Amino acid sequence: NPLIGASGVSAVPDSARVVHAEGLKADPTNYLLMHAMAPNVAG
């Protein structure tokens, strides 16, 4: 999901949480937090 690319910045864990929130807005069953944490800590 391209949204998780936004969590590549180093604002841990807020950026991952924002990605997760935006994913839920598009689909309430789409949980992106754990996926977004990978580029977040990589950032």
PDB file of all heavy atoms in Angstrom:
ATOM      1  N   ASN A   1       0.864  -1.185   0.000  1.00  0.00           N
ATOM      2  CA  ASN A   1       0.000   0.000   0.000  1.00  0.00           C
ATOM      3  C   ASN A   1       0.903   1.238   0.000  1.00  0.00           C
ATOM      4  O   ASN A   1       1.705   1.418   0.919  1.00  0.00           O
ATOM      5  CB  ASN A   1      -0.894  -0.013   1.241  1.00  0.00           C
ATOM      6  CG  ASN A   1      -1.977   1.041   1.190  1.00  0.00           C
ATOM      7  OD1 ASN A   1      -1.710   2.198   0.874  1.00  0.00           O
ATOM      8  ND2 ASN A   1      -3.199   0.640   1.496  1.00  0.00           N
ATOM      9  N   PRO A   2       0.800   2.083  -1.037  1.00  0.00           N
ATOM     10  CA  PRO A   2       1.715   3.237  -1.126  1.00  0.00           C
ATOM     11  C   PRO A   2       1.675   4.168   0.080  1.00  0.00           C
ATOM     12  O   PRO A   2       2.632   4.908   0.327  1.00  0.00           O
ATOM     13  CB  PRO A   2       1.252   3.961  -2.396  1.00  0.00           C
ATOM     14  CG  PRO A   2       0.527   2.939  -3.187  1.00  0.00           C
ATOM     15  CD  PRO A   2      -0.112   2.022  -2.185  1.00  0.00           C
ATOM     16  N   LEU A   3       0.577   4.118   0.840  1.00  0.00           N
ATOM     17  CA  LEU A   3       0.488   4.997   2.004  1.00  0.00           C
ATOM     18  C   LEU A   3       1.644   4.786   2.977  1.00  0.00           C
ATOM     19  O   LEU A   3       2.117   5.733   3.603  1.00  0.00           O
ATOM     20  CB  LEU A   3      -0.838   4.771   2.740  1.00  0.00           C
ATOM     21  CG  LEU A   3      -2.117   5.297   2.075  1.00  0.00           C
ATOM     22  CD1 LEU A   3      -3.336   4.892   2.896  1.00  0.00           C
ATOM     23  CD2 LEU A   3      -2.063   6.803   1.909  1.00  0.00           C
ATOM     24  N   ILE A   4       2.119   3.535   3.087  1.00  0.00           N
ATOM     25  CA  ILE A   4       3.166   3.278   4.078  1.00  0.00           C
ATOM     26  C   ILE A   4       4.481   3.948   3.689  1.00  0.00           C
ATOM     27  O   ILE A   4       5.369   4.103   4.536  1.00  0.00           O
ATOM     28  CB  ILE A   4       3.375   1.765   4.303  1.00  0.00           C
ATOM     29  CG1 ILE A   4       4.015   1.112   3.080  1.00  0.00           C
ATOM     30  CG2 ILE A   4       2.074   1.084   4.681  1.00  0.00           C
ATOM     31  CD1 ILE A   4       4.453  -0.318   3.343  1.00  0.00           C
ATOM     32  N   GLY A   5       4.608   4.373   2.435  1.00  0.00           N
ATOM     33  CA  GLY A   5       5.811   5.099   2.030  1.00  0.00           C
ATOM     34  C   GLY A   5       5.965   6.413   2.772  1.00  0.00           C
ATOM     35  O   GLY A   5       7.093   6.886   3.002  1.00  0.00           O
ATOM     36  N   ALA A   6       4.836   7.006   3.190  1.00  0.00           N
ATOM     37  CA  ALA A   6       4.892   8.278   3.919  1.00  0.00           C
ATOM     38  C   ALA A   6       5.529   8.116   5.286  1.00  0.00           C
ATOM     39  O   ALA A   6       6.031   9.081   5.865  1.00  0.00           O
ATOM     40  CB  ALA A   6       3.495   8.855   4.066  1.00  0.00           C
ATOM     41  N   SER A   7       5.520   6.895   5.819  1.00  0.00           N
ATOM     42  CA  SER A   7       6.107   6.674   7.148  1.00  0.00           C
ATOM     43  C   SER A   7       7.614   6.469   7.078  1.00  0.00           C
ATOM     44  O   SER A   7       8.241   6.146   8.088  1.00  0.00           O
ATOM     45  CB  SER A   7       5.448   5.468   7.829  1.00  0.00           C
ATOM     46  OG  SER A   7       5.704   4.278   7.106  1.00  0.00           O
ATOM     47  N   GLY A   8       8.192   6.665   5.889  1.00  0.00           N
ATOM     48  CA  GLY A   8       9.639   6.551   5.762  1.00  0.00           C
ATOM     49  C   GLY A   8      10.393   7.659   6.470  1.00  0.00           C
ATOM     50  O   GLY A   8      11.596   7.546   6.695  1.00  0.00           O
ATOM     51  N   VAL A   9       9.692   8.741   6.826  1.00  0.00           N
ATOM     52  CA  VAL A   9      10.343   9.786   7.629  1.00  0.00           C
ATOM     53  C   VAL A   9      10.547   9.253   9.040  1.00  0.00           C
ATOM     54  O   VAL A   9       9.928   8.274   9.449  1.00  0.00           O
ATOM     55  CB  VAL A   9       9.499  11.083   7.646  1.00  0.00           C
ATOM     56  CG1 VAL A   9       9.331  11.642   6.256  1.00  0.00           C
ATOM     57  CG2 VAL A   9       8.146  10.836   8.283  1.00  0.00           C
ATOM     58  N   SER A  10      11.390   9.912   9.787  1.00  0.00           N
ATOM     59  CA  SER A  10      11.841   9.352  11.062  1.00  0.00           C
ATOM     60  C   SER A  10      11.007   9.787  12.259  1.00  0.00           C
ATOM     61  O   SER A  10      11.501   9.776  13.380  1.00  0.00           O
ATOM     62  CB  SER A  10      13.310   9.745  11.296  1.00  0.00           C
ATOM     63  OG  SER A  10      13.797   9.166  12.473  1.00  0.00           O
ATOM     64  N   ALA A  11       9.776  10.189  12.049  1.00  0.00           N
ATOM     65  CA  ALA A  11       8.916  10.601  13.158  1.00  0.00           C
ATOM     66  C   ALA A  11       8.233   9.360  13.730  1.00  0.00           C
ATOM     67  O   ALA A  11       7.118   9.006  13.350  1.00  0.00           O
ATOM     68  CB  ALA A  11       7.886  11.612  12.682  1.00  0.00           C
ATOM     69  N   VAL A  12       8.927   8.678  14.639  1.00  0.00           N
ATOM     70  CA  VAL A  12       8.438   7.416  15.208  1.00  0.00           C
ATOM     71  C   VAL A  12       7.697   7.689  16.513  1.00  0.00           C
ATOM     72  O   VAL A  12       8.203   8.418  17.369  1.00  0.00           O
ATOM     73  CB  VAL A  12       9.624   6.461  15.486  1.00  0.00           C
ATOM     74  CG1 VAL A  12       9.134   5.156  16.095  1.00  0.00           C
ATOM     75  CG2 VAL A  12      10.395   6.180  14.213  1.00  0.00           C
ATOM     76  N   PRO A  13       6.520   7.079  16.714  1.00  0.00           N
ATOM     77  CA  PRO A  13       5.740   6.286  15.768  1.00  0.00           C
ATOM     78  C   PRO A  13       4.604   7.076  15.118  1.00  0.00           C
ATOM     79  O   PRO A  13       3.700   6.491  14.543  1.00  0.00           O
ATOM     80  CB  PRO A  13       5.174   5.191  16.669  1.00  0.00           C
ATOM     81  CG  PRO A  13       4.900   5.913  17.962  1.00  0.00           C
ATOM     82  CD  PRO A  13       5.972   6.981  18.087  1.00  0.00           C
ATOM     83  N   ASP A  14       4.624   8.392  15.260  1.00  0.00           N
ATOM     84  CA  ASP A  14       3.492   9.197  14.808  1.00  0.00           C
ATOM     85  C   ASP A  14       3.198   9.025  13.332  1.00  0.00           C
ATOM     86  O   ASP A  14       2.032   8.962  12.915  1.00  0.00           O
ATOM     87  CB  ASP A  14       3.743  10.679  15.121  1.00  0.00           C
ATOM     88  CG  ASP A  14       3.345  11.031  16.540  1.00  0.00           C
ATOM     89  OD1 ASP A  14       2.970  10.104  17.277  1.00  0.00           O
ATOM     90  OD2 ASP A  14       3.418  12.202  16.917  1.00  0.00           O
ATOM     91  N   SER A  15       4.243   8.971  12.518  1.00  0.00           N
ATOM     92  CA  SER A  15       4.026   8.851  11.084  1.00  0.00           C
ATOM     93  C   SER A  15       3.329   7.527  10.750  1.00  0.00           C
ATOM     94  O   SER A  15       2.428   7.478   9.906  1.00  0.00           O
ATOM     95  CB  SER A  15       5.357   8.962  10.345  1.00  0.00           C
ATOM     96  OG  SER A  15       5.152   9.057   8.959  1.00  0.00           O
ATOM     97  N   ALA A  16       3.737   6.446  11.420  1.00  0.00           N
ATOM     98  CA  ALA A  16       3.091   5.149  11.199  1.00  0.00           C
ATOM     99  C   ALA A  16       1.624   5.196  11.632  1.00  0.00           C
ATOM    100  O   ALA A  16       0.744   4.609  10.976  1.00  0.00           O
ATOM    101  CB  ALA A  16       3.838   4.063  11.952  1.00  0.00           C
ATOM    102  N   ARG A  17       1.346   5.901  12.703  1.00  0.00           N
ATOM    103  CA  ARG A  17      -0.038   6.020  13.169  1.00  0.00           C
ATOM    104  C   ARG A  17      -0.887   6.803  12.182  1.00  0.00           C
ATOM    105  O   ARG A  17      -2.062   6.467  11.938  1.00  0.00           O
ATOM    106  CB  ARG A  17      -0.063   6.706  14.532  1.00  0.00           C
ATOM    107  CG  ARG A  17       0.492   5.874  15.665  1.00  0.00           C
ATOM    108  CD  ARG A  17       0.583   6.695  16.928  1.00  0.00           C
ATOM    109  NE  ARG A  17       1.120   5.930  18.053  1.00  0.00           N
ATOM    110  CZ  ARG A  17       1.544   6.460  19.184  1.00  0.00           C
ATOM    111  NH1 ARG A  17       1.495   7.786  19.350  1.00  0.00           N
ATOM    112  NH2 ARG A  17       2.022   5.703  20.154  1.00  0.00           N
ATOM    113  N   VAL A  18      -0.314   7.859  11.603  1.00  0.00           N
ATOM    114  CA  VAL A  18      -1.054   8.643  10.607  1.00  0.00           C
ATOM    115  C   VAL A  18      -1.363   7.797   9.382  1.00  0.00           C
ATOM    116  O   VAL A  18      -2.472   7.843   8.843  1.00  0.00           O
ATOM    117  CB  VAL A  18      -0.239   9.897  10.212  1.00  0.00           C
ATOM    118  CG1 VAL A  18      -0.869  10.599   9.020  1.00  0.00           C
ATOM    119  CG2 VAL A  18      -0.141  10.859  11.388  1.00  0.00           C
ATOM    120  N   VAL A  19      -0.392   7.006   8.943  1.00  0.00           N
ATOM    121  CA  VAL A  19      -0.619   6.097   7.806  1.00  0.00           C
ATOM    122  C   VAL A  19      -1.746   5.126   8.131  1.00  0.00           C
ATOM    123  O   VAL A  19      -2.641   4.882   7.303  1.00  0.00           O
ATOM    124  CB  VAL A  19       0.686   5.331   7.476  1.00  0.00           C
ATOM    125  CG1 VAL A  19       0.398   4.173   6.520  1.00  0.00           C
ATOM    126  CG2 VAL A  19       1.715   6.269   6.867  1.00  0.00           C
ATOM    127  N   HIS A  20      -1.705   4.569   9.322  1.00  0.00           N
ATOM    128  CA  HIS A  20      -2.744   3.624   9.740  1.00  0.00           C
ATOM    129  C   HIS A  20      -4.125   4.294   9.731  1.00  0.00           C
ATOM    130  O   HIS A  20      -5.112   3.711   9.255  1.00  0.00           O
ATOM    131  CB  HIS A  20      -2.415   3.101  11.137  1.00  0.00           C
ATOM    132  CG  HIS A  20      -3.407   2.137  11.686  1.00  0.00           C
ATOM    133  ND1 HIS A  20      -3.642   0.887  11.136  1.00  0.00           N
ATOM    134  CD2 HIS A  20      -4.252   2.234  12.751  1.00  0.00           C
ATOM    135  CE1 HIS A  20      -4.565   0.263  11.836  1.00  0.00           C
ATOM    136  NE2 HIS A  20      -4.961   1.058  12.819  1.00  0.00           N
ATOM    137  N   ALA A  21      -4.182   5.521  10.236  1.00  0.00           N
ATOM    138  CA  ALA A  21      -5.458   6.242  10.280  1.00  0.00           C
ATOM    139  C   ALA A  21      -5.996   6.519   8.881  1.00  0.00           C
ATOM    140  O   ALA A  21      -7.206   6.377   8.620  1.00  0.00           O
ATOM    141  CB  ALA A  21      -5.287   7.552  11.048  1.00  0.00           C
ATOM    142  N   GLU A  22      -5.103   6.892   7.964  1.00  0.00           N
ATOM    143  CA  GLU A  22      -5.547   7.154   6.588  1.00  0.00           C
ATOM    144  C   GLU A  22      -6.000   5.878   5.902  1.00  0.00           C
ATOM    145  O   GLU A  22      -6.946   5.879   5.105  1.00  0.00           O
ATOM    146  CB  GLU A  22      -4.413   7.807   5.789  1.00  0.00           C
ATOM    147  CG  GLU A  22      -4.090   9.222   6.220  1.00  0.00           C
ATOM    148  CD  GLU A  22      -5.286  10.154   6.103  1.00  0.00           C
ATOM    149  OE1 GLU A  22      -5.927  10.175   5.019  1.00  0.00           O
ATOM    150  OE2 GLU A  22      -5.582  10.861   7.078  1.00  0.00           O
ATOM    151  N   GLY A  23      -5.342   4.760   6.202  1.00  0.00           N
ATOM    152  CA  GLY A  23      -5.762   3.477   5.643  1.00  0.00           C
ATOM    153  C   GLY A  23      -7.138   3.083   6.132  1.00  0.00           C
ATOM    154  O   GLY A  23      -7.960   2.565   5.360  1.00  0.00           O
ATOM    155  N   LEU A  24      -7.421   3.343   7.410  1.00  0.00           N
ATOM    156  CA  LEU A  24      -8.737   3.019   7.961  1.00  0.00           C
ATOM    157  C   LEU A  24      -9.836   3.889   7.361  1.00  0.00           C
ATOM    158  O   LEU A  24     -10.991   3.454   7.231  1.00  0.00           O
ATOM    159  CB  LEU A  24      -8.721   3.174   9.480  1.00  0.00           C
ATOM    160  CG  LEU A  24      -7.899   2.149  10.267  1.00  0.00           C
ATOM    161  CD1 LEU A  24      -7.930   2.481  11.753  1.00  0.00           C
ATOM    162  CD2 LEU A  24      -8.422   0.735  10.031  1.00  0.00           C
ATOM    163  N   LYS A  25      -9.491   5.116   7.002  1.00  0.00           N
ATOM    164  CA  LYS A  25     -10.486   5.977   6.358  1.00  0.00           C
ATOM    165  C   LYS A  25     -10.900   5.419   5.004  1.00  0.00           C
ATOM    166  O   LYS A  25     -12.067   5.511   4.613  1.00  0.00           O
ATOM    167  CB  LYS A  25      -9.923   7.389   6.180  1.00  0.00           C
ATOM    168  CG  LYS A  25      -9.778   8.175   7.480  1.00  0.00           C
ATOM    169  CD  LYS A  25      -9.185   9.547   7.218  1.00  0.00           C
ATOM    170  CE  LYS A  25      -8.954  10.315   8.523  1.00  0.00           C
ATOM    171  NZ  LYS A  25      -8.323  11.644   8.274  1.00  0.00           N
ATOM    172  N   ALA A  26      -9.940   4.847   4.293  1.00  0.00           N
ATOM    173  CA  ALA A  26     -10.252   4.268   2.979  1.00  0.00           C
ATOM    174  C   ALA A  26     -10.958   2.935   3.120  1.00  0.00           C
ATOM    175  O   ALA A  26     -11.869   2.609   2.333  1.00  0.00           O
ATOM    176  CB  ALA A  26      -8.962   4.097   2.174  1.00  0.00           C
ATOM    177  N   ASP A  27     -10.540   2.141   4.117  1.00  0.00           N
ATOM    178  CA  ASP A  27     -11.132   0.820   4.342  1.00  0.00           C
ATOM    179  C   ASP A  27     -11.003   0.504   5.828  1.00  0.00           C
ATOM    180  O   ASP A  27      -9.904   0.260   6.320  1.00  0.00           O
ATOM    181  CB  ASP A  27     -10.407  -0.235   3.505  1.00  0.00           C
ATOM    182  CG  ASP A  27     -10.984  -1.634   3.720  1.00  0.00           C
ATOM    183  OD1 ASP A  27     -11.907  -1.789   4.549  1.00  0.00           O
ATOM    184  OD2 ASP A  27     -10.496  -2.584   3.055  1.00  0.00           O
ATOM    185  N   PRO A  28     -12.128   0.504   6.566  1.00  0.00           N
ATOM    186  CA  PRO A  28     -12.073   0.282   8.013  1.00  0.00           C
ATOM    187  C   PRO A  28     -11.491  -1.061   8.423  1.00  0.00           C
ATOM    188  O   PRO A  28     -11.209  -1.278   9.608  1.00  0.00           O
ATOM    189  CB  PRO A  28     -13.550   0.391   8.442  1.00  0.00           C
ATOM    190  CG  PRO A  28     -14.202   1.200   7.380  1.00  0.00           C
ATOM    191  CD  PRO A  28     -13.498   0.847   6.109  1.00  0.00           C
ATOM    192  N   THR A  29     -11.312  -1.988   7.471  1.00  0.00           N
ATOM    193  CA  THR A  29     -10.745  -3.300   7.810  1.00  0.00           C
ATOM    194  C   THR A  29      -9.269  -3.420   7.415  1.00  0.00           C
ATOM    195  O   THR A  29      -8.677  -4.487   7.534  1.00  0.00           O
ATOM    196  CB  THR A  29     -11.539  -4.416   7.114  1.00  0.00           C
ATOM    197  OG1 THR A  29     -11.392  -4.301   5.686  1.00  0.00           O
ATOM    198  CG2 THR A  29     -13.017  -4.347   7.460  1.00  0.00           C
ATOM    199  N   ASN A  30      -8.686  -2.308   6.931  1.00  0.00           N
ATOM    200  CA  ASN A  30      -7.314  -2.350   6.435  1.00  0.00           C
ATOM    201  C   ASN A  30      -6.371  -1.815   7.518  1.00  0.00           C
ATOM    202  O   ASN A  30      -6.308  -0.607   7.757  1.00  0.00           O
ATOM    203  CB  ASN A  30      -7.189  -1.515   5.154  1.00  0.00           C
ATOM    204  CG  ASN A  30      -5.905  -1.808   4.408  1.00  0.00           C
ATOM    205  OD1 ASN A  30      -5.154  -2.693   4.776  1.00  0.00           O
ATOM    206  ND2 ASN A  30      -5.666  -1.066   3.350  1.00  0.00           N
ATOM    207  N   TYR A  31      -5.651  -2.715   8.165  1.00  0.00           N
ATOM    208  CA  TYR A  31      -4.771  -2.339   9.269  1.00  0.00           C
ATOM    209  C   TYR A  31      -3.325  -2.252   8.772  1.00  0.00           C
ATOM    210  O   TYR A  31      -2.720  -3.271   8.428  1.00  0.00           O
ATOM    211  CB  TYR A  31      -4.886  -3.349  10.415  1.00  0.00           C
ATOM    212  CG  TYR A  31      -6.286  -3.414  10.993  1.00  0.00           C
ATOM    213  CD1 TYR A  31      -7.194  -4.378  10.566  1.00  0.00           C
ATOM    214  CD2 TYR A  31      -6.703  -2.477  11.940  1.00  0.00           C
ATOM    215  CE1 TYR A  31      -8.477  -4.427  11.084  1.00  0.00           C
ATOM    216  CE2 TYR A  31      -7.985  -2.514  12.468  1.00  0.00           C
ATOM    217  CZ  TYR A  31      -8.873  -3.488  12.037  1.00  0.00           C
ATOM    218  OH  TYR A  31     -10.145  -3.518  12.543  1.00  0.00           O
ATOM    219  N   LEU A  32      -2.790  -1.044   8.753  1.00  0.00           N
ATOM    220  CA  LEU A  32      -1.475  -0.809   8.162  1.00  0.00           C
ATOM    221  C   LEU A  32      -0.390  -0.491   9.189  1.00  0.00           C
ATOM    222  O   LEU A  32       0.762  -0.279   8.816  1.00  0.00           O
ATOM    223  CB  LEU A  32      -1.551   0.358   7.162  1.00  0.00           C
ATOM    224  CG  LEU A  32      -2.418   0.145   5.916  1.00  0.00           C
ATOM    225  CD1 LEU A  32      -2.490   1.436   5.105  1.00  0.00           C
ATOM    226  CD2 LEU A  32      -1.844  -0.983   5.064  1.00  0.00           C
ATOM    227  N   LEU A  33      -0.743  -0.468  10.465  1.00  0.00           N
ATOM    228  CA  LEU A  33       0.207   0.008  11.465  1.00  0.00           C
ATOM    229  C   LEU A  33       1.503  -0.806  11.478  1.00  0.00           C
ATOM    230  O   LEU A  33       2.599  -0.239  11.429  1.00  0.00           O
ATOM    231  CB  LEU A  33      -0.434  -0.007  12.851  1.00  0.00           C
ATOM    232  CG  LEU A  33       0.438   0.542  13.989  1.00  0.00           C
ATOM    233  CD1 LEU A  33       0.818   1.997  13.727  1.00  0.00           C
ATOM    234  CD2 LEU A  33      -0.272   0.414  15.328  1.00  0.00           C
ATOM    235  N   MET A  34       1.398  -2.128  11.555  1.00  0.00           N
ATOM    236  CA  MET A  34       2.597  -2.954  11.632  1.00  0.00           C
ATOM    237  C   MET A  34       3.426  -2.843  10.349  1.00  0.00           C
ATOM    238  O   MET A  34       4.648  -2.837  10.392  1.00  0.00           O
ATOM    239  CB  MET A  34       2.224  -4.413  11.885  1.00  0.00           C
ATOM    240  CG  MET A  34       1.753  -4.680  13.305  1.00  0.00           C
ATOM    241  SD  MET A  34       2.951  -4.120  14.562  1.00  0.00           S
ATOM    242  CE  MET A  34       4.365  -5.135  14.163  1.00  0.00           C
ATOM    243  N   HIS A  35       2.734  -2.757   9.200  1.00  0.00           N
ATOM    244  CA  HIS A  35       3.458  -2.603   7.936  1.00  0.00           C
ATOM    245  C   HIS A  35       4.164  -1.240   7.894  1.00  0.00           C
ATOM    246  O   HIS A  35       5.297  -1.133   7.422  1.00  0.00           O
ATOM    247  CB  HIS A  35       2.495  -2.715   6.749  1.00  0.00           C
ATOM    248  CG  HIS A  35       1.779  -4.028   6.685  1.00  0.00           C
ATOM    249  ND1 HIS A  35       2.419  -5.197   6.370  1.00  0.00           N
ATOM    250  CD2 HIS A  35       0.476  -4.354   6.893  1.00  0.00           C
ATOM    251  CE1 HIS A  35       1.544  -6.194   6.382  1.00  0.00           C
ATOM    252  NE2 HIS A  35       0.363  -5.701   6.705  1.00  0.00           N
ATOM    253  N   ALA A  36       3.498  -0.194   8.397  1.00  0.00           N
ATOM    254  CA  ALA A  36       4.069   1.157   8.350  1.00  0.00           C
ATOM    255  C   ALA A  36       5.244   1.313   9.309  1.00  0.00           C
ATOM    256  O   ALA A  36       6.119   2.144   9.078  1.00  0.00           O
ATOM    257  CB  ALA A  36       2.995   2.189   8.675  1.00  0.00           C
ATOM    258  N   MET A  37       5.278   0.490  10.356  1.00  0.00           N
ATOM    259  CA  MET A  37       6.385   0.600  11.316  1.00  0.00           C
ATOM    260  C   MET A  37       7.721   0.216  10.690  1.00  0.00           C
ATOM    261  O   MET A  37       8.770   0.699  11.117  1.00  0.00           O
ATOM    262  CB  MET A  37       6.114  -0.276  12.540  1.00  0.00           C
ATOM    263  CG  MET A  37       5.158   0.336  13.554  1.00  0.00           C
ATOM    264  SD  MET A  37       5.705   1.943  14.199  1.00  0.00           S
ATOM    265  CE  MET A  37       7.227   1.477  15.023  1.00  0.00           C
ATOM    266  N   ALA A  38       7.694  -0.645   9.662  1.00  0.00           N
ATOM    267  CA  ALA A  38       8.948  -1.073   9.030  1.00  0.00           C
ATOM    268  C   ALA A  38       9.671   0.106   8.371  1.00  0.00           C
ATOM    269  O   ALA A  38      10.836   0.375   8.702  1.00  0.00           O
ATOM    270  CB  ALA A  38       8.682  -2.189   8.025  1.00  0.00           C
ATOM    271  N   PRO A  39       9.041   0.834   7.449  1.00  0.00           N
ATOM    272  CA  PRO A  39       9.735   2.003   6.897  1.00  0.00           C
ATOM    273  C   PRO A  39       9.952   3.109   7.931  1.00  0.00           C
ATOM    274  O   PRO A  39      10.902   3.893   7.814  1.00  0.00           O
ATOM    275  CB  PRO A  39       8.811   2.489   5.772  1.00  0.00           C
ATOM    276  CG  PRO A  39       7.494   1.870   6.029  1.00  0.00           C
ATOM    277  CD  PRO A  39       7.766   0.594   6.760  1.00  0.00           C
ATOM    278  N   ASN A  40       9.106   3.159   8.970  1.00  0.00           N
ATOM    279  CA  ASN A  40       9.268   4.188   9.999  1.00  0.00           C
ATOM    280  C   ASN A  40      10.576   4.006  10.772  1.00  0.00           C
ATOM    281  O   ASN A  40      11.366   4.946  10.931  1.00  0.00           O
ATOM    282  CB  ASN A  40       8.073   4.156  10.951  1.00  0.00           C
ATOM    283  CG  ASN A  40       7.744   5.507  11.557  1.00  0.00           C
ATOM    284  OD1 ASN A  40       6.842   5.635  12.381  1.00  0.00           O
ATOM    285  ND2 ASN A  40       8.454   6.541  11.169  1.00  0.00           N
ATOM    286  N   VAL A  41      10.831   2.783  11.230  1.00  0.00           N
ATOM    287  CA  VAL A  41      12.091   2.540  11.950  1.00  0.00           C
ATOM    288  C   VAL A  41      13.272   2.560  10.982  1.00  0.00           C
ATOM    289  O   VAL A  41      14.398   2.930  11.360  1.00  0.00           O
ATOM    290  CB  VAL A  41      12.045   1.217  12.741  1.00  0.00           C
ATOM    291  CG1 VAL A  41      10.993   1.283  13.824  1.00  0.00           C
ATOM    292  CG2 VAL A  41      11.807   0.023  11.833  1.00  0.00           C
ATOM    293  N   ALA A  42      13.023   2.191   9.722  1.00  0.00           N
ATOM    294  CA  ALA A  42      14.083   2.301   8.716  1.00  0.00           C
ATOM    295  C   ALA A  42      14.451   3.762   8.501  1.00  0.00           C
ATOM    296  O   ALA A  42      15.612   4.088   8.223  1.00  0.00           O
ATOM    297  CB  ALA A  42      13.634   1.668   7.403  1.00  0.00           C
ATOM    298  N   GLY A  43      13.452   4.646   8.629  1.00  0.00           N
ATOM    299  CA  GLY A  43      13.718   6.074   8.506  1.00  0.00           C
ATOM    300  C   GLY A  43      14.629   6.581   9.611  1.00  0.00           C
ATOM    301  O   GLY A  43      15.468   7.464   9.383  1.00  0.00           O
TER     302      GLY A  43
END
